[in-house]
Amino acid sequence: MTLKHTRIQPRPRYATRWRTAAIAGSTTVAALLTALAAGPAHADAVAYLVNVTVRPGYDFANADAALAYGHGLCDALAGGLGYPQLVSTIEHDFATADEYQATYLLGQAANELCPAQIWQLRRSAAESRAQ
């Protein structure tokens, strides 16, 4: 009985795996570049209004008052006022000691009206919690 010497062929599944990984990697990079090219997040006043006027406890006179208050929070945040000061201001303005209610309103303003300020707010909150 003689065995024929044959050349070992590479398994195609390895080539397929590499090709799949390369395609997945390039797709991920393309999605990331598209997201970066899209620019910064945009304000969404409607989402802010829905979230703060439907939730009880704020009692804004109307939508314009709610927007003005939210934009005022954004201005204060952009001006360098920190998380603890902003929460304290909201608690005072709405005569509440409910920190969750204050942080919710602040978060909605930052997320929906001035998304460029989100990281500044997060850093300020983290620094105040660390102390």
Protein backbone atom coordinates (compact mmCIF):
# COMPACT_ATOMS: atom_id res chain seq x y z
CA MET A 1 0.00 0.00 0.00
CA THR A 2 1.45 3.32 -1.01
CA LEU A 3 0.40 6.64 0.32
CA LYS A 4 0.40 9.47 -2.03
CA HIS A 5 2.13 12.54 -0.71
CA THR A 6 -0.28 15.42 -0.96
CA ARG A 7 0.22 19.01 -0.22
CA ILE A 8 -1.76 20.26 2.76
CA GLN A 9 -4.23 22.89 1.71
CA PRO A 10 -4.98 25.76 4.09
CA ARG A 11 -8.37 25.54 5.63
CA PRO A 12 -10.69 28.03 4.07
CA ARG A 13 -12.45 28.77 7.35
CA TYR A 14 -9.38 30.66 8.64
CA ALA A 15 -9.37 32.81 5.55
CA THR A 16 -13.07 33.41 6.02
CA ARG A 17 -12.55 34.39 9.64
CA TRP A 18 -9.88 36.90 8.73
CA ARG A 19 -12.00 38.31 5.95
CA THR A 20 -15.00 38.59 8.28
CA ALA A 21 -12.90 40.30 10.94
CA ALA A 22 -11.49 42.73 8.39
CA ILE A 23 -14.95 43.60 7.10
CA ALA A 24 -16.32 44.03 10.63
CA GLY A 25 -13.36 46.22 11.58
CA SER A 26 -13.69 48.42 8.52
CA THR A 27 -17.45 48.73 9.08
CA THR A 28 -16.85 49.82 12.68
CA VAL A 29 -14.28 52.39 11.61
CA ALA A 30 -16.63 53.70 8.92
CA ALA A 31 -19.46 54.07 11.45
CA LEU A 32 -17.17 55.88 13.88
CA LEU A 33 -15.96 58.28 11.20
CA THR A 34 -19.53 58.94 10.12
CA ALA A 35 -20.52 59.74 13.71
CA LEU A 36 -17.56 62.08 14.12
CA ALA A 37 -18.28 63.80 10.82
CA ALA A 38 -21.88 64.35 11.89
CA GLY A 39 -20.69 66.87 14.44
CA PRO A 40 -21.83 67.53 17.95
CA ALA A 41 -25.22 66.56 19.30
CA HIS A 42 -28.00 69.03 18.65
CA ALA A 43 -30.41 70.51 21.14
CA ASP A 44 -33.89 69.05 21.30
CA ALA A 45 -36.24 71.53 22.94
CA VAL A 46 -39.31 69.34 22.32
CA ALA A 47 -37.81 66.41 24.24
CA TYR A 48 -36.87 68.75 27.08
CA LEU A 49 -40.39 70.19 27.23
CA VAL A 50 -42.03 66.77 27.20
CA ASN A 51 -39.76 65.48 29.94
CA VAL A 52 -40.09 68.44 32.31
CA THR A 53 -43.67 69.55 31.76
CA VAL A 54 -45.27 66.10 31.97
CA ARG A 55 -43.36 65.16 35.12
CA PRO A 56 -45.01 66.58 38.23
CA GLY A 57 -43.22 68.95 40.56
CA TYR A 58 -41.92 71.73 38.34
CA ASP A 59 -45.14 73.64 37.65
CA PHE A 60 -43.83 75.91 34.92
CA ALA A 61 -46.36 78.57 33.87
CA ASN A 62 -45.99 77.57 30.22
CA ALA A 63 -43.57 76.06 27.71
CA ASP A 64 -41.73 79.36 27.26
CA ALA A 65 -41.06 79.56 31.01
CA ALA A 66 -39.79 75.98 31.04
CA LEU A 67 -37.46 76.66 28.09
CA ALA A 68 -36.23 79.91 29.61
CA TYR A 69 -35.41 78.13 32.87
CA GLY A 70 -33.61 75.33 31.04
CA HIS A 71 -31.60 77.77 28.94
CA GLY A 72 -30.74 79.67 32.12
CA LEU A 73 -29.32 76.43 33.57
CA CYS A 74 -27.29 75.94 30.40
CA ASP A 75 -25.97 79.49 30.60
CA ALA A 76 -25.00 79.01 34.25
CA LEU A 77 -23.28 75.73 33.40
CA ALA A 78 -21.41 77.33 30.49
CA GLY A 79 -20.45 80.18 32.82
CA GLY A 80 -18.66 77.74 35.12
CA LEU A 81 -21.25 77.17 37.83
CA GLY A 82 -20.73 73.69 39.21
CA TYR A 83 -23.09 70.80 39.86
CA PRO A 84 -23.61 71.42 43.60
CA GLN A 85 -24.43 75.08 43.05
CA LEU A 86 -26.84 74.32 40.21
CA VAL A 87 -28.66 71.63 42.20
CA SER A 88 -28.91 73.97 45.17
CA THR A 89 -30.32 76.72 42.95
CA ILE A 90 -32.96 74.40 41.49
CA GLU A 91 -33.94 73.14 44.95
CA HIS A 92 -34.32 76.75 46.10
CA ASP A 93 -36.25 77.85 43.00
CA PHE A 94 -38.76 75.01 43.30
CA ALA A 95 -38.88 74.99 47.11
CA THR A 96 -37.93 71.35 47.38
CA ALA A 97 -35.32 69.30 49.20
CA ASP A 98 -35.71 66.49 46.66
CA GLU A 99 -32.25 66.20 45.13
CA TYR A 100 -33.50 63.72 42.53
CA GLN A 101 -36.03 66.24 41.25
CA ALA A 102 -33.32 68.89 40.97
CA THR A 103 -30.80 66.62 39.28
CA TYR A 104 -33.45 65.34 36.87
CA LEU A 105 -34.24 68.87 35.69
CA LEU A 106 -30.56 69.71 35.42
CA GLY A 107 -29.87 66.52 33.48
CA GLN A 108 -32.73 67.17 31.09
CA ALA A 109 -31.53 70.71 30.44
CA ALA A 110 -27.96 69.56 29.79
CA ASN A 111 -28.94 66.55 27.67
CA GLU A 112 -31.60 68.21 25.58
CA LEU A 113 -30.82 71.93 25.49
CA CYS A 114 -27.04 72.17 25.74
CA PRO A 115 -25.52 68.77 24.93
CA ALA A 116 -22.10 70.37 24.46
CA GLN A 117 -22.06 71.04 28.21
CA ILE A 118 -22.77 67.44 29.29
CA TRP A 119 -19.16 66.52 29.98
CA GLN A 120 -18.61 69.69 31.98
CA LEU A 121 -21.64 68.81 34.11
CA ARG A 122 -20.49 65.21 34.54
CA ARG A 123 -16.99 66.28 35.61
CA SER A 124 -18.42 68.75 38.09
CA ALA A 125 -20.79 66.12 39.52
CA ALA A 126 -17.97 63.57 39.82
CA GLU A 127 -15.73 66.08 41.57
CA SER A 128 -18.48 67.00 44.03
CA ARG A 129 -19.18 63.33 44.80
CA ALA A 130 -15.48 62.59 45.33
CA GLN A 131 -15.14 65.25 48.02
